[in-house]
Amino acid sequence: MSLRDVAIVGVHATEQARQLPQRTSLDLAQESVLGAIADAGLEPGDVDGVAADWPGPGGRPGEAASWARVLGGPLSWVSDGLLDAAGARGVMKAAAAISAGLCDVAVVGGGLAGRFGRGGTVNGAADFIEFTDVWGAYVIPLFALVAQGHQHRFGTTAEQLATVSATIRNNGSKNPEAVMAGKGPYTVDDILASPMIATPFHLLDVCLAGEGGGALVLTTVERARDLPHPPVAVLGAGMELSGAAYASPPEYRTVGRLGVSAATRALGMAGLTAQQIDVFSLYDPNSFEIIRQMEVLGLCAEGEGGPFVAAGNIGLDGRFPTNPDGGCLAYAWNGTQQMTLKVVEAVRQLRGTAVNQVPGAETAIAANAGSAASHYELVVLGRA
């Protein structure tokens, strides 16, 4: 058995909002996990593999085995790593466990609530990071350093970044599930007129920070054929890490091409080129990371990402539609589970049930994290 013999058979996304004061992280995690299991047409007791958040109370916070009581246990496989419980990394590890025979049905996901009070924002890590915190650095200026390096080398413009923001935010404006539903349409000029946060990022170049959850269920393609939804097969996967996330200020020369080897591996496993992918669900903490990923995935040459997006390639009616749900820029960012939402959107597109459906989508890439975070994961998905 290989990864190609594993499929995503269930997905669920909770409500997403800037704040969800009536919810708890455990409440959202349980809704996500149980919702994805129900969507798969399975019962909780069918799950024997878990890579999912357990925030507590009850059980042991951070330990996935705490799910055994909720699911009816016992469990055959768990993964407790923070990023193992979300998105592309969670999918590839759960799929590897299923293909190795360590479990039969696995769930990946979780939720986040109660993090943001008035004026709250996102730091790169919960713990003190000695070589970034001393400068007052946080996620946005760290990514801005990489974007500045790209601008210096290749002449990438603020207008090109703003094109990305306007395109993806307008997708979210048309998505009733998005935090920014109905807030558009935005023009390039609107993006450029918003306040500067960290050069070259204006406020509307930067993603949301909010709360919510999501989850996925995986099993074998063979078993998936008896379940309600068309199975979405894991055709390929890859990850690439250049060090601990946000441990030191990044430079374009060291992280600007992060993800090339992961993309080469994943697409090679799938037997596809990036040009053959129908829809892209990519990490968009800011507008620049989409430009960078166009180059990393091989859709255009290094340095050509700015003109590439300016030519309309990433729009819903473009050659490579990107983040039709509105991405982190307009749909949702909810902690690590925003990574899971990237996969949820890819699965919905391949099922043909997405809000901003790409006609005839048969293949998709879901990718997480990027340059300043020092890690990149992606999965190539296709109709089984």
Protein backbone atom coordinates (compact mmCIF):
# COMPACT_ATOMS: atom_id res chain seq x y z
CA MET A 1 0.00 0.00 0.00
CA SER A 2 1.16 3.58 -0.71
CA LEU A 3 -0.10 7.08 0.02
CA ARG A 4 -2.11 6.89 -3.21
CA ASP A 5 -4.20 4.15 -1.59
CA VAL A 6 -5.35 6.56 1.14
CA ALA A 7 -8.22 9.02 0.73
CA ILE A 8 -9.81 11.90 2.60
CA VAL A 9 -13.41 10.89 3.19
CA GLY A 10 -14.73 13.43 5.70
CA VAL A 11 -14.31 17.16 6.29
CA HIS A 12 -15.82 19.70 8.64
CA ALA A 13 -15.28 23.40 9.31
CA THR A 14 -16.85 25.17 12.27
CA GLU A 15 -18.01 28.75 12.28
CA GLN A 16 -15.08 31.14 11.94
CA ALA A 17 -14.90 34.61 13.50
CA ARG A 18 -12.55 37.20 14.92
CA GLN A 19 -13.78 36.10 18.36
CA LEU A 20 -16.07 33.27 19.44
CA PRO A 21 -16.73 34.20 23.09
CA GLN A 22 -19.47 31.60 23.39
CA ARG A 23 -17.15 28.74 22.39
CA THR A 24 -14.11 26.98 23.89
CA SER A 25 -11.18 25.37 22.13
CA LEU A 26 -12.32 21.93 23.28
CA ASP A 27 -15.87 22.62 22.12
CA LEU A 28 -14.59 23.59 18.65
CA ALA A 29 -12.20 20.64 18.49
CA GLN A 30 -14.97 18.20 19.34
CA GLU A 31 -17.37 19.74 16.84
CA SER A 32 -14.64 19.57 14.18
CA VAL A 33 -13.65 15.97 14.81
CA LEU A 34 -17.16 14.59 15.29
CA GLY A 35 -18.45 16.64 12.36
CA ALA A 36 -15.79 15.25 10.01
CA ILE A 37 -16.54 11.70 11.18
CA ALA A 38 -20.27 12.21 10.52
CA ASP A 39 -19.51 13.74 7.10
CA ALA A 40 -17.56 10.58 6.29
CA GLY A 41 -20.57 8.43 7.10
CA LEU A 42 -18.71 6.76 9.95
CA GLU A 43 -19.19 6.39 13.69
CA PRO A 44 -16.74 7.70 16.32
CA GLY A 45 -15.85 4.14 17.25
CA ASP A 46 -14.62 3.51 13.69
CA VAL A 47 -11.68 5.88 14.29
CA ASP A 48 -8.52 4.22 15.57
CA GLY A 49 -5.96 6.88 14.65
CA VAL A 50 -5.84 10.45 16.00
CA ALA A 51 -3.72 13.50 15.25
CA ALA A 52 -5.99 16.13 16.74
CA ASP A 53 -5.85 18.97 19.25
CA TRP A 54 -6.86 18.16 22.82
CA PRO A 55 -6.90 21.51 24.64
CA GLY A 56 -8.53 20.25 27.85
CA PRO A 57 -10.13 20.33 30.34
CA GLY A 58 -10.20 16.62 30.99
CA GLY A 59 -7.75 14.11 29.66
CA ARG A 60 -4.27 15.59 29.36
CA PRO A 61 -3.89 18.83 27.37
CA GLY A 62 -1.80 18.27 24.26
CA GLU A 63 -2.04 14.47 24.38
CA ALA A 64 -4.02 13.00 21.48
CA ALA A 65 -4.78 9.81 23.43
CA SER A 66 -7.27 11.91 25.40
CA TRP A 67 -9.62 11.42 22.44
CA ALA A 68 -10.01 7.70 23.26
CA ARG A 69 -12.91 8.30 25.65
CA VAL A 70 -14.75 10.57 23.23
CA LEU A 71 -14.33 8.18 20.32
CA GLY A 72 -14.95 5.01 22.29
CA GLY A 73 -11.29 3.81 22.00
CA PRO A 74 -8.95 2.09 22.11
CA LEU A 75 -6.69 3.86 19.61
CA SER A 76 -4.04 2.17 17.47
CA TRP A 77 -2.06 5.27 16.51
CA VAL A 78 -1.71 8.85 17.76
CA SER A 79 0.49 11.83 16.96
CA ASP A 80 0.91 14.58 19.52
CA GLY A 81 3.01 17.15 17.66
CA LEU A 82 1.37 20.56 17.32
CA LEU A 83 1.71 20.76 13.54
CA ASP A 84 1.02 17.03 13.14
CA ALA A 85 -2.57 17.77 14.18
CA ALA A 86 -3.32 20.04 11.24
CA GLY A 87 -3.31 20.48 7.50
CA ALA A 88 -0.91 19.01 5.00
CA ARG A 89 1.53 17.71 7.60
CA GLY A 90 -1.27 16.00 9.49
CA VAL A 91 -2.63 14.49 6.28
CA MET A 92 0.71 13.10 5.17
CA LYS A 93 1.50 11.58 8.57
CA ALA A 94 -1.97 10.09 9.01
CA ALA A 95 -1.87 8.75 5.44
CA ALA A 96 1.56 7.23 6.10
CA ALA A 97 0.23 5.55 9.24
CA ILE A 98 -2.75 4.09 7.34
CA SER A 99 -0.59 2.93 4.44
CA ALA A 100 1.81 1.26 6.91
CA GLY A 101 -1.08 -0.58 8.55
CA LEU A 102 -0.74 1.21 11.89
CA CYS A 103 -4.40 2.28 11.87
CA ASP A 104 -7.45 2.05 9.59
CA VAL A 105 -9.29 5.35 10.04
CA ALA A 106 -7.56 8.52 11.20
CA VAL A 107 -8.77 11.99 12.10
CA VAL A 108 -6.75 15.22 11.91
CA GLY A 109 -7.90 18.59 13.24
CA GLY A 110 -8.94 20.70 16.19
CA GLY A 111 -10.02 24.20 17.15
CA LEU A 112 -9.07 27.46 18.84
CA ALA A 113 -11.13 29.90 20.92
CA GLY A 114 -10.54 32.40 23.71
CA ARG A 115 -7.21 33.66 22.39
CA PHE A 116 -8.10 37.13 21.21
CA GLY A 117 -9.25 39.93 23.43
CA ARG A 118 -9.63 43.48 22.25
CA GLY A 119 -6.61 44.41 20.12
CA GLY A 120 -5.09 40.92 20.34
CA THR A 121 -2.73 39.78 17.61
CA VAL A 122 -0.56 36.83 16.63
CA ASN A 123 2.98 36.09 17.69
CA GLY A 124 5.06 33.43 15.96
CA ALA A 125 5.51 31.31 19.06
CA ALA A 126 4.13 31.13 22.56
CA ASP A 127 7.59 30.97 24.12
CA PHE A 128 10.28 33.65 24.25
CA ILE A 129 12.48 33.56 21.13
CA GLU A 130 15.79 35.16 22.03
CA PHE A 131 16.95 36.34 18.60
CA THR A 132 13.66 37.86 17.41
CA ASP A 133 11.73 39.02 20.47
CA VAL A 134 14.59 41.28 21.56
CA TRP A 135 13.94 43.40 18.44
CA GLY A 136 10.19 43.45 18.95
CA ALA A 137 9.78 41.27 15.89
CA TYR A 138 6.66 39.21 15.26
CA VAL A 139 5.15 37.38 12.31
CA ILE A 140 4.39 40.30 10.00
CA PRO A 141 7.79 42.05 9.97
CA LEU A 142 9.57 38.70 9.74
CA PHE A 143 7.72 37.86 6.53
CA ALA A 144 8.25 41.45 5.40
CA LEU A 145 12.03 40.91 5.51
CA VAL A 146 11.71 38.11 2.96
CA ALA A 147 9.37 40.14 0.77
CA GLN A 148 11.82 43.06 0.82
CA GLY A 149 14.58 40.73 -0.36
CA HIS A 150 12.44 39.63 -3.30
CA GLN A 151 11.60 43.23 -4.18
CA HIS A 152 15.27 44.21 -4.08
CA ARG A 153 16.36 41.33 -6.32
CA PHE A 154 13.51 41.22 -8.81
CA GLY A 155 11.68 44.55 -8.72
CA THR A 156 8.45 43.11 -7.31
CA THR A 157 6.03 46.00 -6.77
CA ALA A 158 3.50 47.00 -4.14
CA GLU A 159 0.83 46.92 -6.88
CA GLN A 160 1.61 43.28 -7.61
CA LEU A 161 1.28 42.38 -3.93
CA ALA A 162 -1.98 44.33 -3.78
CA THR A 163 -3.29 42.36 -6.77
CA VAL A 164 -2.93 39.17 -4.74
CA SER A 165 -4.73 40.72 -1.77
CA ALA A 166 -7.59 42.09 -3.83
CA THR A 167 -8.06 38.82 -5.72
CA ILE A 168 -8.20 36.56 -2.66
CA ARG A 169 -10.16 38.99 -0.48
CA ASN A 170 -12.76 39.31 -3.22
CA ASN A 171 -13.09 35.52 -3.26
CA GLY A 172 -13.81 35.65 0.47
CA SER A 173 -16.28 38.47 0.03
CA LYS A 174 -18.44 36.06 -2.00
CA ASN A 175 -18.11 33.21 0.54
CA PRO A 176 -20.87 33.35 3.19
CA GLU A 177 -18.74 31.22 5.54
CA ALA A 178 -15.87 33.73 5.48
CA VAL A 179 -15.13 36.13 8.30
CA MET A 180 -14.92 38.86 5.65
CA ALA A 181 -18.09 37.82 3.80
CA GLY A 182 -19.63 40.78 1.99
CA LYS A 183 -16.73 43.11 2.82
CA GLY A 184 -15.60 43.60 -0.79
CA PRO A 185 -15.08 44.15 -3.53
CA TYR A 186 -11.55 45.49 -3.13
CA THR A 187 -9.41 47.16 -5.75
CA VAL A 188 -5.63 47.38 -5.88
CA ASP A 189 -5.97 51.03 -4.88
CA ASP A 190 -8.01 50.02 -1.82
CA ILE A 191 -5.22 47.72 -0.67
CA LEU A 192 -2.56 50.38 -1.21
CA ALA A 193 -4.64 52.98 0.64
CA SER A 194 -4.80 50.86 3.82
CA PRO A 195 -2.30 51.67 6.59
CA MET A 196 1.28 50.46 6.31
CA ILE A 197 2.03 47.72 8.86
CA ALA A 198 5.58 46.62 7.96
CA THR A 199 7.05 47.59 4.61
CA PRO A 200 5.98 46.40 2.06
CA PHE A 201 2.79 45.13 3.75
CA HIS A 202 -0.26 47.33 4.07
CA LEU A 203 -2.99 46.29 6.47
CA LEU A 204 -5.00 44.61 3.70
CA ASP A 205 -1.91 42.67 2.56
CA VAL A 206 -1.96 40.80 5.87
CA CYS A 207 -4.20 37.93 6.92
CA LEU A 208 -6.89 37.79 9.57
CA ALA A 209 -6.42 36.57 13.12
CA GLY A 210 -9.42 34.74 14.53
CA GLU A 211 -10.95 31.65 16.03
CA GLY A 212 -12.58 28.47 14.77
CA GLY A 213 -11.78 24.88 13.88
CA GLY A 214 -11.73 22.17 11.26
CA ALA A 215 -11.00 18.49 10.80
CA LEU A 216 -10.45 15.72 8.23
CA VAL A 217 -10.98 11.95 8.21
CA LEU A 218 -8.80 9.57 6.21
CA THR A 219 -9.03 5.88 5.40
CA THR A 220 -8.13 3.52 2.57
CA VAL A 221 -9.44 4.19 -0.93
CA GLU A 222 -10.92 0.70 -0.90
CA ARG A 223 -13.00 1.40 2.20
CA ALA A 224 -13.78 4.90 0.96
CA ARG A 225 -15.74 3.57 -2.02
CA ASP A 226 -18.49 2.41 0.37
CA LEU A 227 -18.83 5.84 2.00
CA PRO A 228 -21.16 8.72 1.01
CA HIS A 229 -18.77 11.14 -0.71
CA PRO A 230 -16.45 10.68 -3.68
CA PRO A 231 -13.05 9.83 -2.15
CA VAL A 232 -10.24 12.33 -2.54
CA ALA A 233 -6.95 10.46 -2.87
CA VAL A 234 -3.61 11.60 -1.46
CA LEU A 235 -1.53 11.51 -4.64
CA GLY A 236 1.67 12.97 -3.25
CA ALA A 237 3.11 14.87 -0.30
CA GLY A 238 6.27 16.59 0.84
CA MET A 239 7.70 18.77 3.57
CA GLU A 240 10.79 20.94 3.89
CA LEU A 241 12.20 22.62 6.98
CA SER A 242 15.09 25.07 7.28
CA GLY A 243 15.08 25.30 11.07
CA ALA A 244 12.84 26.11 14.00
CA ALA A 245 10.00 28.50 13.21
CA TYR A 246 10.73 32.18 13.89
CA ALA A 247 13.95 31.32 15.76
CA SER A 248 15.89 34.05 13.99
CA PRO A 249 15.18 36.84 11.49
CA PRO A 250 14.86 35.32 8.00
CA GLU A 251 16.65 36.36 4.83
CA TYR A 252 15.52 35.79 1.27
CA ARG A 253 18.79 34.06 0.42
CA THR A 254 18.13 31.34 3.00
CA VAL A 255 14.34 30.86 2.90
CA GLY A 256 13.20 32.52 -0.31
CA ARG A 257 13.10 29.21 -2.17
CA LEU A 258 11.86 27.13 0.74
CA GLY A 259 9.50 24.46 -0.56
CA VAL A 260 11.08 23.73 -3.94
CA SER A 261 12.32 20.27 -2.93
CA ALA A 262 9.05 19.49 -1.13
CA ALA A 263 7.02 20.47 -4.20
CA THR A 264 9.31 18.45 -6.47
CA ARG A 265 8.89 15.40 -4.25
CA ALA A 266 5.10 15.73 -3.93
CA LEU A 267 4.43 16.36 -7.61
CA GLY A 268 6.84 13.58 -8.56
CA MET A 269 4.92 11.13 -6.35
CA ALA A 270 1.69 12.27 -7.99
CA GLY A 271 3.12 11.99 -11.50
CA LEU A 272 1.94 15.52 -12.24
CA THR A 273 3.38 18.94 -12.97
CA ALA A 274 2.18 22.07 -11.23
CA GLN A 275 0.67 23.18 -14.55
CA GLN A 276 -1.67 20.16 -14.39
CA ILE A 277 -3.17 21.19 -11.04
CA ASP A 278 -6.67 22.64 -11.28
CA VAL A 279 -6.95 24.54 -7.99
CA PHE A 280 -4.49 25.82 -5.39
CA SER A 281 -5.25 26.21 -1.68
CA LEU A 282 -2.11 27.95 -0.43
CA TYR A 283 -0.96 29.55 2.80
CA ASP A 284 -1.51 33.30 2.57
CA PRO A 285 -0.38 34.99 5.78
CA ASN A 286 0.33 37.90 3.47
CA SER A 287 0.13 38.71 -0.21
CA PHE A 288 3.82 38.09 -0.92
CA GLU A 289 3.74 34.43 0.10
CA ILE A 290 1.38 33.68 -2.80
CA ILE A 291 3.83 35.29 -5.24
CA ARG A 292 6.67 33.29 -3.70
CA GLN A 293 4.74 30.03 -3.92
CA MET A 294 3.91 30.56 -7.58
CA GLU A 295 7.67 30.47 -8.15
CA VAL A 296 8.40 27.66 -5.69
CA LEU A 297 5.76 25.40 -7.23
CA GLY A 298 7.23 26.01 -10.69
CA LEU A 299 4.27 27.87 -12.16
CA CYS A 300 6.67 30.63 -13.15
CA ALA A 301 10.41 31.26 -12.85
CA GLU A 302 12.04 32.80 -9.78
CA GLY A 303 11.53 36.55 -9.87
CA GLU A 304 8.55 36.36 -12.24
CA GLY A 305 5.85 35.88 -9.60
CA GLY A 306 4.86 39.54 -9.50
CA PRO A 307 4.06 39.88 -13.22
CA PHE A 308 2.54 36.39 -13.13
CA VAL A 309 -0.13 37.32 -10.56
CA ALA A 310 -0.65 40.76 -12.13
CA ALA A 311 -1.62 38.99 -15.37
CA GLY A 312 -4.67 37.46 -13.66
CA ASN A 313 -3.40 33.90 -13.36
CA ILE A 314 -4.61 33.33 -9.79
CA GLY A 315 -8.18 34.62 -10.19
CA LEU A 316 -11.25 32.39 -10.15
CA ASP A 317 -11.32 32.61 -13.95
CA GLY A 318 -7.52 32.45 -14.26
CA ARG A 319 -5.34 29.54 -15.30
CA PHE A 320 -4.36 28.71 -11.70
CA PRO A 321 -7.24 29.70 -9.37
CA THR A 322 -5.88 30.23 -5.87
CA ASN A 323 -7.71 30.26 -2.53
CA PRO A 324 -11.26 30.39 -3.90
CA ASP A 325 -12.64 30.37 -0.34
CA GLY A 326 -10.84 33.62 0.54
CA GLY A 327 -7.87 32.01 2.28
CA CYS A 328 -6.37 33.41 5.46
CA LEU A 329 -6.76 36.89 3.99
CA ALA A 330 -10.56 36.78 4.09
CA TYR A 331 -12.00 33.36 5.02
CA ALA A 332 -10.25 32.43 8.27
CA TRP A 333 -7.08 32.13 10.28
CA ASN A 334 -7.63 30.13 13.47
CA GLY A 335 -4.25 29.05 14.78
CA THR A 336 -2.80 25.84 13.36
CA GLN A 337 -6.18 24.71 12.07
CA GLN A 338 -6.10 27.33 9.32
CA MET A 339 -3.79 24.72 7.78
CA THR A 340 -6.60 22.17 7.96
CA LEU A 341 -8.98 24.62 6.28
CA LYS A 342 -6.65 24.66 3.27
CA VAL A 343 -7.23 20.92 2.86
CA VAL A 344 -10.96 21.25 3.57
CA GLU A 345 -11.29 23.73 0.69
CA ALA A 346 -9.27 21.49 -1.65
CA VAL A 347 -11.51 18.52 -0.81
CA ARG A 348 -14.68 20.56 -1.35
CA GLN A 349 -13.37 21.69 -4.72
CA LEU A 350 -12.70 18.10 -5.79
CA ARG A 351 -16.11 17.00 -4.54
CA GLY A 352 -17.68 19.83 -6.56
CA THR A 353 -19.34 21.35 -3.48
CA ALA A 354 -17.24 24.49 -2.87
CA VAL A 355 -18.83 27.95 -2.64
CA ASN A 356 -16.63 29.43 -5.38
CA GLN A 357 -16.41 26.19 -7.32
CA VAL A 358 -13.72 25.83 -9.98
CA PRO A 359 -15.51 24.02 -12.84
CA GLY A 360 -14.30 20.47 -13.46
CA ALA A 361 -11.60 20.51 -10.76
CA GLU A 362 -9.94 17.09 -10.57
CA THR A 363 -6.61 17.88 -8.89
CA ALA A 364 -5.61 20.27 -6.12
CA ILE A 365 -2.66 21.32 -4.01
CA ALA A 366 -3.07 22.29 -0.36
CA ALA A 367 0.01 23.89 1.17
CA ASN A 368 0.90 25.22 4.60
CA ALA A 369 3.37 27.71 6.07
CA GLY A 370 6.15 29.45 4.25
CA SER A 371 9.40 31.37 4.21
CA ALA A 372 9.64 33.19 7.56
CA ALA A 373 8.09 30.21 9.37
CA SER A 374 10.98 28.04 8.13
CA HIS A 375 8.74 25.13 7.18
CA TYR A 376 6.61 24.17 4.19
CA GLU A 377 4.25 21.24 3.68
CA LEU A 378 2.01 20.34 0.79
CA VAL A 379 -0.23 17.56 -0.40
CA VAL A 380 -1.36 16.83 -3.93
CA LEU A 381 -4.95 15.59 -3.98
CA GLY A 382 -7.08 14.11 -6.74
CA ARG A 383 -10.35 12.38 -7.36
CA ALA A 384 -9.88 8.68 -6.59
